[in-house]
Each structure stands twice: as structure tokens, then as C-alpha cells.
Amino acid sequence: MNQSAVINAGENIYEKSIKIVESLLEDNINFHNKYSSLERQIIKRVIHATSDVSYADTVFFKNKPAEKTIELVKDKIAKNEPLKIVCDSEMTKAGISKNLNKKAVLDINCFVNHKSLPESAGQTKSAVAIKYAISEILPDIIVIGNAPTALLAVIEYCGRLRETSSYFPSLIIGMPVGFVGASESKTLLYENDMFNSIGNFGNFGGSSPAAAAMNALLSESE
């Protein structure tokens, strides 16, 4: 099977999967009434990546982040500038596809294994790494898919940077997973009116849904 046939087969499977997702959501009144058409596309991709239909009721969008991010991506393409993204884990970084929008130049970074990562007592490695990545890259988009401590660090650090510098992220995707701090960190993100954000309520999350949300934005901005 040649490469073109493999790509077509993959696209066919994806389209069939999305149709199944749509059939599962057909009677979900909340999904159809609460979210815009663009937001529904993002949620369907998240569900496709996780096989978890409950995301149709738990994903949140704060300050029209989808529309703003699509405009950002198009603007970067027009200016031939890279879209700078930092992630909290290598798994989240690996899940973001560079093939969904071939016009966009993606600069995706994760500093959790960076050789120059500073030590910081009382903080997790994920929290230290994401703050270091932000300070070095000044990213357009921050994607958190694993560590609640990283999301808390982003909220605190970016809030402080806004007061002391001209830097501010265009989008935060916050979907960390776990029983300790995950739900609380995402609630804090939702309650913070300062940020354009996409996240989900509850303990569920992970690199797959976080990357899927980013991939949906890239696909919709092509």
C-alpha cells in the first residue's frame, strides 16, 4: 500500500469515527444548545481522541478562545511567523500534529527534560519546566495535558508577567488529569477572566484531549 493510500485510509477511518461520535451526541441537548458550531467541532475531536462522550458536557471555552486562536493562526501564516507552543509533557507535545495545517509553521516545545532546567524547592518538575519554557519561548499558546501543578504555575506566572511585562499568552488549553489538583486547577482557570482558555471540568483529562483540542484549532484554521 502506497503512502497516498495509507493517508486516504486514515482519513476514511477518522470520518467514520466522527460520524459515530455525532450519532452518540444526536440527543445531547446540552451539546447542541450550549456550544457554537466551531466549539462542537473541537469537542468532537476531543471525544474522538479519548472515546469519552462525557466531554460533550464538561468542556469549557472562556472568552471565545476558538475564534481568537483561529484568527491568530491565520495571522501567523500571513506574516510567515511560527506559532509558538509550549507543553507540559512530551506526550502532549507528541500529540500535536504538524500535518493538519501545512501552511502553519509550528514551533512546539516541552522543557520538562531540558538540560538547563533550574532547581526550585517546593515545586514539581512540571511546574518549574513550564515556567522556564514560558520565560524562554514567550509562547503564543500553552497546552497543559498532564500536570495540575503545571496549570497552576501557568495561571500564577502568566498573571504576574502581565503585570510586569508586555507578554501574555493568546490561549491556554488546560486539561490535566488526576485525583490531586486536576479538577481544582481547571476550575481556577475557568474562573479567571483574564485568560482565553479551553479546558474541562472534573478529574478526567490528559495529553490526548489537550492535544486534540489544539489539533482541532489547527484543522479549523487551514
Protein backbone atom coordinates (compact mmCIF):
# COMPACT_ATOMS: atom_id res chain seq x y z
CA MET A 1 0.00 0.00 0.00
CA ASN A 2 1.49 3.34 -1.07
CA GLN A 3 1.65 6.41 1.15
CA SER A 4 -1.32 8.09 -0.53
CA ALA A 5 -3.49 5.03 0.06
CA VAL A 6 -2.43 4.91 3.71
CA ILE A 7 -3.34 8.59 4.17
CA ASN A 8 -6.72 8.09 2.49
CA ALA A 9 -7.42 5.04 4.66
CA GLY A 10 -6.62 7.06 7.78
CA GLU A 11 -8.88 9.91 6.68
CA ASN A 12 -11.72 7.48 5.97
CA ILE A 13 -11.40 5.95 9.44
CA TYR A 14 -11.40 9.40 11.02
CA GLU A 15 -14.52 10.44 9.09
CA LYS A 16 -16.32 7.23 10.09
CA SER A 17 -15.31 7.78 13.71
CA ILE A 18 -16.64 11.34 13.69
CA LYS A 19 -19.97 10.12 12.26
CA ILE A 20 -20.20 7.64 15.15
CA VAL A 21 -19.44 10.43 17.62
CA GLU A 22 -22.13 12.60 16.02
CA SER A 23 -24.66 9.78 16.31
CA LEU A 24 -23.83 9.39 20.03
CA LEU A 25 -24.36 13.12 20.55
CA GLU A 26 -27.53 13.39 18.49
CA ASP A 27 -29.83 13.59 21.52
CA ASN A 28 -27.48 15.58 23.77
CA ILE A 29 -29.40 18.84 24.19
CA ASN A 30 -26.62 20.45 26.23
CA PHE A 31 -24.06 19.81 23.50
CA HIS A 32 -26.21 21.32 20.75
CA ASN A 33 -27.52 24.30 22.73
CA LYS A 34 -24.53 25.29 24.84
CA TYR A 35 -21.74 25.29 22.27
CA SER A 36 -21.19 27.11 18.97
CA SER A 37 -20.67 25.18 15.74
CA LEU A 38 -16.90 25.71 16.00
CA GLU A 39 -16.82 24.63 19.64
CA ARG A 40 -18.74 21.48 18.77
CA GLN A 41 -16.11 20.60 16.16
CA ILE A 42 -13.39 20.87 18.80
CA ILE A 43 -15.32 18.76 21.30
CA LYS A 44 -15.99 16.06 18.70
CA ARG A 45 -12.26 15.80 18.04
CA VAL A 46 -11.60 15.51 21.78
CA ILE A 47 -14.18 12.74 22.04
CA HIS A 48 -12.65 11.01 19.03
CA ALA A 49 -9.23 11.09 20.70
CA THR A 50 -10.49 9.75 24.03
CA SER A 51 -13.57 7.65 23.20
CA ASP A 52 -15.23 9.50 26.10
CA VAL A 53 -18.55 11.11 25.24
CA SER A 54 -18.74 12.85 28.63
CA TYR A 55 -16.51 15.62 27.27
CA ALA A 56 -19.63 16.89 25.48
CA ASP A 57 -20.85 18.08 28.88
CA THR A 58 -17.61 19.11 30.60
CA VAL A 59 -15.52 21.15 28.14
CA PHE A 60 -15.49 24.91 28.65
CA PHE A 61 -14.50 27.81 26.40
CA LYS A 62 -13.65 31.12 28.07
CA ASN A 63 -13.57 34.44 26.18
CA LYS A 64 -14.20 32.95 22.71
CA PRO A 65 -10.79 31.22 22.55
CA ALA A 66 -11.52 29.15 19.45
CA GLU A 67 -12.40 32.09 17.24
CA LYS A 68 -9.47 34.15 18.53
CA THR A 69 -6.98 31.31 18.06
CA ILE A 70 -8.06 30.64 14.50
CA GLU A 71 -7.52 34.32 13.70
CA LEU A 72 -4.11 34.09 15.38
CA VAL A 73 -3.06 31.09 13.30
CA LYS A 74 -4.19 32.75 10.08
CA ASP A 75 -2.32 35.92 11.03
CA LYS A 76 0.86 33.93 11.72
CA ILE A 77 0.53 32.25 8.32
CA ALA A 78 0.03 35.60 6.57
CA LYS A 79 3.11 37.02 8.27
CA ASN A 80 5.14 33.82 7.76
CA GLU A 81 5.79 33.66 11.50
CA PRO A 82 5.95 30.50 13.62
CA LEU A 83 3.15 29.66 16.00
CA LYS A 84 4.95 29.15 19.31
CA ILE A 85 3.51 26.45 21.56
CA VAL A 86 4.78 25.10 24.88
CA CYS A 87 3.52 21.90 26.52
CA ASP A 88 3.81 20.42 29.98
CA SER A 89 4.79 16.94 28.83
CA GLU A 90 6.45 15.16 25.92
CA MET A 91 3.25 13.15 25.42
CA THR A 92 1.22 16.31 24.95
CA LYS A 93 3.83 17.70 22.57
CA ALA A 94 3.89 14.45 20.56
CA GLY A 95 0.11 14.53 20.20
CA ILE A 96 0.04 17.87 18.38
CA SER A 97 0.15 17.23 14.64
CA LYS A 98 2.12 19.38 12.23
CA ASN A 99 0.21 17.90 9.28
CA LEU A 100 -3.26 19.31 9.96
CA ASN A 101 -2.41 22.78 8.71
CA LYS A 102 0.50 22.60 6.32
CA LYS A 103 0.58 26.38 5.88
CA ALA A 104 1.30 26.96 9.56
CA VAL A 105 4.84 26.74 10.92
CA LEU A 106 4.64 25.19 14.38
CA ASP A 107 7.35 25.67 16.99
CA ILE A 108 6.36 23.17 19.69
CA ASN A 109 8.42 22.88 22.86
CA CYS A 110 8.48 20.95 26.13
CA PHE A 111 11.16 21.79 28.68
CA VAL A 112 10.46 19.07 31.24
CA ASN A 113 13.70 17.29 30.26
CA HIS A 114 15.66 20.44 29.44
CA LYS A 115 19.31 20.19 30.48
CA SER A 116 19.29 23.72 31.91
CA LEU A 117 16.11 23.32 33.94
CA PRO A 118 16.60 25.23 37.19
CA GLU A 119 16.02 23.63 40.57
CA SER A 120 13.27 25.05 42.71
CA ALA A 121 12.49 23.75 46.18
CA GLY A 122 8.86 23.03 46.91
CA GLN A 123 7.76 22.91 43.26
CA THR A 124 7.19 19.96 40.97
CA LYS A 125 9.41 19.47 37.95
CA SER A 126 6.43 20.10 35.69
CA ALA A 127 5.73 23.47 37.32
CA VAL A 128 9.36 24.56 37.11
CA ALA A 129 9.64 23.38 33.50
CA ILE A 130 6.54 25.18 32.24
CA LYS A 131 7.58 28.48 33.84
CA TYR A 132 11.08 28.12 32.40
CA ALA A 133 9.63 27.36 28.95
CA ILE A 134 7.35 30.39 29.12
CA SER A 135 10.21 32.68 30.11
CA GLU A 136 12.43 31.39 27.31
CA ILE A 137 9.91 30.97 24.48
CA LEU A 138 7.19 33.54 25.27
CA PRO A 139 4.69 31.21 23.61
CA ASP A 140 1.51 32.11 21.81
CA ILE A 141 -0.23 29.02 23.17
CA ILE A 142 0.28 26.95 26.32
CA VAL A 143 -1.04 23.38 26.36
CA ILE A 144 -1.33 21.50 29.66
CA GLY A 145 -2.38 17.87 29.35
CA ASN A 146 -0.91 16.07 32.35
CA ALA A 147 0.20 18.05 35.38
CA PRO A 148 -2.21 20.09 37.53
CA THR A 149 0.81 21.78 39.14
CA ALA A 150 1.88 22.98 35.70
CA LEU A 151 -1.53 24.56 35.08
CA LEU A 152 -1.46 26.27 38.47
CA ALA A 153 2.02 27.56 37.68
CA VAL A 154 0.82 28.92 34.32
CA ILE A 155 -2.09 30.78 35.90
CA GLU A 156 0.11 32.33 38.57
CA TYR A 157 3.17 33.04 36.42
CA CYS A 158 1.34 34.46 33.40
CA GLY A 159 -0.79 36.62 35.66
CA ARG A 160 2.36 38.01 37.22
CA LEU A 161 4.04 38.54 33.84
CA ARG A 162 1.07 40.53 32.60
CA GLU A 163 1.62 42.99 35.43
CA THR A 164 5.39 43.28 34.91
CA SER A 165 5.87 42.87 31.14
CA SER A 166 4.10 43.08 27.80
CA TYR A 167 3.88 39.29 27.43
CA PHE A 168 0.58 37.44 27.66
CA PRO A 169 -0.43 34.09 26.08
CA SER A 170 -3.11 34.14 23.41
CA LEU A 171 -4.53 30.80 24.57
CA ILE A 172 -4.23 28.37 27.45
CA ILE A 173 -5.51 24.82 26.96
CA GLY A 174 -5.82 23.25 30.40
CA MET A 175 -6.85 19.59 30.60
CA PRO A 176 -4.64 17.98 33.29
CA VAL A 177 -5.71 14.62 34.66
CA GLY A 178 -5.71 13.12 38.14
CA PHE A 179 -7.27 12.97 41.58
CA VAL A 180 -4.99 15.54 43.20
CA GLY A 181 -5.46 19.09 41.99
CA ALA A 182 -6.68 18.42 38.46
CA SER A 183 -10.29 19.47 38.96
CA GLU A 184 -9.32 22.38 41.19
CA SER A 185 -6.72 23.75 38.75
CA LYS A 186 -9.18 23.70 35.85
CA THR A 187 -11.85 25.41 37.93
CA LEU A 188 -9.33 28.16 38.73
CA LEU A 189 -8.60 28.53 35.01
CA TYR A 190 -12.30 28.80 34.22
CA GLU A 191 -12.89 31.36 36.95
CA ASN A 192 -10.00 33.55 35.79
CA ASP A 193 -11.49 36.09 33.39
CA MET A 194 -8.04 37.23 32.32
CA PHE A 195 -7.25 34.29 30.04
CA ASN A 196 -8.60 32.98 26.75
CA SER A 197 -8.88 29.34 27.68
CA ILE A 198 -10.17 25.90 26.76
CA GLY A 199 -10.47 23.24 29.45
CA ASN A 200 -12.75 20.72 31.06
CA PHE A 201 -14.28 20.28 34.47
CA GLY A 202 -13.53 17.27 36.64
CA ASN A 203 -10.69 14.79 37.16
CA PHE A 204 -10.64 13.46 33.60
CA GLY A 205 -8.16 14.86 31.09
CA GLY A 206 -4.72 14.05 29.76
CA SER A 207 -2.39 14.64 26.87
CA SER A 208 -4.81 13.13 24.33
CA PRO A 209 -7.73 15.54 24.85
CA ALA A 210 -5.42 18.54 25.27
CA ALA A 211 -3.56 17.79 22.05
CA ALA A 212 -6.84 17.00 20.29
CA ALA A 213 -8.21 20.43 21.17
CA MET A 214 -5.09 22.04 19.71
CA ASN A 215 -5.28 19.84 16.62
CA ALA A 216 -8.90 20.83 16.07
CA LEU A 217 -7.93 24.51 16.13
CA LEU A 218 -5.18 23.89 13.60
CA SER A 219 -7.50 21.93 11.34
CA GLU A 220 -10.26 24.54 11.51
CA SER A 221 -7.81 27.36 10.70
CA GLU A 222 -6.48 25.77 7.49
